[in-house]
Structure formats: structure tokens, C-alpha cells
Amino acid sequence: MRRGTKLSRSKTQYMCMNERESGGMVKIQGVEVMKVDEFKCLGSTVQSNGQCTREVKKRVQAGWSRWRCVSGVLCDRRMAARVKGRVYKTVVRYSMMYGLETVALTKRQEVEMEVAELKMLRFSLGVNRTDRIRNEFIRGTAHVEHFGDKVREARLRWFGHVQRKDIVIILDKEC
């Protein structure tokens, strides 16, 4: 009886993280395996240089996509600002934060996501940049907290789950 997984030599790819020398290749039964600079793992894009720029851009695009889906509610002038904030938090922000618990965001990437968030909130509330209304007032009106704070909160929540995970269960699965 045969056990284990089958490995497709034609579909298999590999990636090196922060490699110092670019030489060398990997072969499986005489067939050279293709080297890639990025791949998707469980829906998240992992890059060989350790950065997460593609993942951040993908999350911002996902947020705009969700925003367009609910823009009828968010841009309705008859809706209260608090209701718009709740819809935004449950639909748009959720899609922007999906999977960011495990991503190490730089300050610039965090700011990029905050800019996208504030553009969406400004559109929703019918406020232009020329109106010169401060971001804190817009956040307060919609009852929406800073994006960076929410990402840190989600990361700490994820870390708590990992920390409480029984080490015996992890070791049993590896053996």
C-alpha cells in the first residue's frame, strides 16, 4: 500500500527568502524545479524579499471593491453617518483587514491604507478635500477608529490565539 502525497514535478515551484547568492537550482528526479519571486499561500501573497507591498495593494483593492458594492447605502444622503460607519466597518474594513494579522506592515503601508479608508469615508459623507474638514472629525462623525489601531488589535488577538494553542497539538501534527 502506498502512502503520502504525490509531488507533481511540472507544477512544483520553490522560493528562497532573502537569499544572498542567486546561483544554484533544485532538481526532483532530474527535472529542474522553477524558482519564483512570489507565491500565494492561503490567499496571501508572499514575496521572496520579505516585503508585503503586493498584499497591501490587494487589500486596498478588495476594500474599494466592497465599497463599490455597498456604495448605494454609503452614499445615500438620507442615511445617518453612524449607520454609514457601521456598514463601512462590517463590510469594507473587514475585507481590507482580512489576513493582515500575519503581515508586518511598515508605517508607509499603514498610511497608504489609512488614506484609502479616509477617501472612502469622505465619499460616503459627501465631504471634499476642499471643504478642509479634519480627518479626526470625519472619523468621529462616522464612529470609525484608526485603521492602524485596528490592525494592531487584530494582530494581538491573533497572537493570543497562537500563544494559547497547546504545544502538544502542534508537535503531534508535525510527527
Protein backbone atom coordinates (compact mmCIF):
# COMPACT_ATOMS: atom_id res chain seq x y z
CA MET A 1 0.00 0.00 0.00
CA ARG A 2 1.33 3.42 -1.00
CA ARG A 3 1.24 6.30 1.49
CA GLY A 4 1.98 10.00 1.44
CA THR A 5 1.39 12.76 -1.05
CA LYS A 6 2.27 12.82 -4.72
CA LEU A 7 4.52 15.59 -5.97
CA SER A 8 3.97 17.00 -9.44
CA ARG A 9 7.38 17.75 -10.94
CA SER A 10 5.92 20.02 -13.62
CA LYS A 11 3.79 22.16 -11.26
CA THR A 12 6.16 22.37 -8.29
CA GLN A 13 7.84 25.72 -7.66
CA TYR A 14 10.13 27.00 -4.93
CA MET A 15 11.06 30.34 -3.43
CA CYS A 16 14.07 31.45 -1.38
CA MET A 17 13.63 34.14 1.26
CA ASN A 18 16.35 36.82 1.45
CA GLU A 19 18.92 34.73 -0.41
CA ARG A 20 22.47 36.04 -0.55
CA GLU A 21 23.70 34.31 -3.71
CA SER A 22 21.46 33.77 -6.71
CA GLY A 23 23.14 30.63 -8.02
CA GLY A 24 22.01 27.06 -7.63
CA MET A 25 18.97 25.16 -8.69
CA VAL A 26 16.69 22.47 -7.32
CA LYS A 27 16.03 19.21 -9.16
CA ILE A 28 13.49 16.49 -8.43
CA GLN A 29 14.29 13.18 -10.16
CA GLY A 30 16.34 15.04 -12.78
CA VAL A 31 13.68 17.67 -13.54
CA GLU A 32 14.62 21.26 -12.68
CA VAL A 33 12.11 22.99 -10.40
CA MET A 34 11.13 26.55 -11.34
CA LYS A 35 12.13 29.33 -8.93
CA VAL A 36 9.61 32.12 -8.25
CA ASP A 37 9.82 35.50 -6.50
CA GLU A 38 6.33 35.33 -5.01
CA PHE A 39 3.51 32.89 -4.46
CA LYS A 40 0.07 32.73 -2.90
CA CYS A 41 -0.36 30.78 0.28
CA LEU A 42 -3.85 30.56 1.81
CA GLY A 43 -4.92 33.64 -0.16
CA SER A 44 -1.99 35.83 0.94
CA THR A 45 0.85 36.82 -1.37
CA VAL A 46 4.31 36.01 0.00
CA GLN A 47 7.30 37.76 -1.61
CA SER A 48 10.88 36.49 -1.59
CA ASN A 49 12.30 39.83 -0.43
CA GLY A 50 10.14 39.69 2.72
CA GLN A 51 8.04 42.72 1.83
CA CYS A 52 4.27 42.77 1.66
CA THR A 53 3.62 45.53 -0.91
CA ARG A 54 1.51 43.30 -3.18
CA GLU A 55 -0.58 42.10 -0.26
CA VAL A 56 -1.28 45.69 0.87
CA LYS A 57 -2.30 46.74 -2.65
CA LYS A 58 -4.53 43.68 -2.91
CA ARG A 59 -6.22 44.53 0.40
CA VAL A 60 -6.82 48.15 -0.69
CA GLN A 61 -8.33 46.92 -3.97
CA ALA A 62 -10.54 44.50 -2.06
CA GLY A 63 -11.72 47.38 0.14
CA TRP A 64 -12.61 49.52 -2.87
CA SER A 65 -14.41 46.56 -4.44
CA ARG A 66 -16.52 46.05 -1.31
CA TRP A 67 -17.10 49.82 -1.06
CA ARG A 68 -18.49 49.86 -4.60
CA CYS A 69 -20.83 47.01 -3.68
CA VAL A 70 -22.37 48.98 -0.80
CA SER A 71 -21.93 52.50 -2.21
CA GLY A 72 -25.70 52.76 -2.65
CA VAL A 73 -26.07 52.68 1.12
CA LEU A 74 -22.89 54.57 1.96
CA CYS A 75 -23.56 57.48 -0.41
CA ASP A 76 -27.26 57.85 0.39
CA ARG A 77 -27.80 61.29 1.91
CA ARG A 78 -30.82 60.08 3.89
CA MET A 79 -28.72 57.58 5.88
CA ALA A 80 -27.28 58.67 9.20
CA ALA A 81 -23.50 58.98 9.43
CA ARG A 82 -23.37 56.46 12.26
CA VAL A 83 -25.19 53.84 10.15
CA LYS A 84 -22.78 54.53 7.30
CA GLY A 85 -19.90 53.98 9.72
CA ARG A 86 -21.35 50.66 10.87
CA VAL A 87 -21.86 49.44 7.31
CA TYR A 88 -18.34 50.57 6.43
CA LYS A 89 -16.82 48.74 9.41
CA THR A 90 -18.68 45.49 8.80
CA VAL A 91 -18.28 45.28 5.02
CA VAL A 92 -15.39 47.40 3.75
CA ARG A 93 -12.96 47.39 6.65
CA TYR A 94 -13.42 43.66 7.18
CA SER A 95 -12.31 42.96 3.60
CA MET A 96 -9.35 45.35 3.93
CA MET A 97 -8.14 43.72 7.15
CA TYR A 98 -8.58 40.11 6.00
CA GLY A 99 -5.30 38.28 6.57
CA LEU A 100 -3.34 41.31 7.80
CA GLU A 101 -2.85 39.77 11.24
CA THR A 102 0.22 37.95 9.98
CA VAL A 103 1.62 40.77 7.81
CA ALA A 104 4.28 43.12 9.16
CA LEU A 105 3.11 46.48 7.84
CA THR A 106 5.55 49.35 7.51
CA LYS A 107 4.45 52.83 8.54
CA ARG A 108 4.18 53.85 4.87
CA GLN A 109 1.88 50.90 4.08
CA GLU A 110 -0.23 51.66 7.11
CA VAL A 111 -0.57 55.27 5.93
CA GLU A 112 -1.48 54.04 2.43
CA MET A 113 -4.34 52.02 3.87
CA GLU A 114 -5.47 54.91 6.07
CA VAL A 115 -5.54 57.22 3.03
CA ALA A 116 -7.77 54.78 1.15
CA GLU A 117 -10.01 54.47 4.20
CA LEU A 118 -10.40 58.22 4.56
CA LYS A 119 -11.16 58.63 0.84
CA MET A 120 -13.97 56.11 1.23
CA LEU A 121 -15.31 57.84 4.34
CA ARG A 122 -15.16 61.26 2.67
CA PHE A 123 -17.09 59.92 -0.34
CA SER A 124 -19.64 58.34 1.99
CA LEU A 125 -20.20 61.51 4.00
CA GLY A 126 -20.22 63.78 0.94
CA VAL A 127 -17.16 65.75 2.06
CA ASN A 128 -14.47 67.05 -0.32
CA ARG A 129 -10.83 67.81 0.47
CA THR A 130 -11.58 71.41 -0.49
CA ASP A 131 -14.06 71.59 2.42
CA ARG A 132 -10.98 71.43 4.69
CA ILE A 133 -12.60 69.20 7.31
CA ARG A 134 -10.12 67.37 9.52
CA ASN A 135 -9.76 63.61 9.37
CA GLU A 136 -10.47 63.25 13.09
CA PHE A 137 -13.82 64.99 12.65
CA ILE A 138 -14.72 62.64 9.78
CA ARG A 139 -13.71 59.60 11.85
CA GLY A 140 -15.70 60.91 14.81
CA THR A 141 -18.79 61.55 12.70
CA ALA A 142 -18.77 58.01 11.28
CA HIS A 143 -17.55 56.49 14.60
CA VAL A 144 -14.61 54.77 12.86
CA GLU A 145 -11.28 54.26 14.63
CA HIS A 146 -7.81 54.50 13.06
CA PHE A 147 -7.03 51.65 10.67
CA GLY A 148 -3.57 51.09 12.16
CA ASP A 149 -5.02 50.69 15.65
CA LYS A 150 -7.50 48.09 14.41
CA VAL A 151 -4.74 46.14 12.61
CA ARG A 152 -2.63 46.11 15.79
CA GLU A 153 -5.65 44.99 17.80
CA ALA A 154 -6.33 42.13 15.34
CA ARG A 155 -2.65 41.14 15.40
CA LEU A 156 -2.66 40.96 19.19
CA ARG A 157 -5.87 38.93 19.13
CA TRP A 158 -4.26 36.50 16.64
CA PHE A 159 -1.11 36.31 18.77
CA GLY A 160 -3.24 35.45 21.81
CA HIS A 161 -4.80 32.55 19.90
CA VAL A 162 -1.37 31.30 18.84
CA GLN A 163 0.00 31.67 22.37
CA ARG A 164 -2.90 29.72 23.90
CA LYS A 165 -2.57 26.94 21.32
CA ASP A 166 -1.47 23.74 23.03
CA ILE A 167 2.12 22.98 22.01
CA VAL A 168 1.42 19.24 22.17
CA ILE A 169 -1.15 19.53 19.37
CA ILE A 170 1.39 21.31 17.16
CA LEU A 171 4.08 18.71 17.83
CA ASP A 172 1.70 15.79 17.17
CA LYS A 173 0.77 17.16 13.74
CA GLU A 174 4.42 17.54 12.69
CA CYS A 175 5.36 13.93 13.51
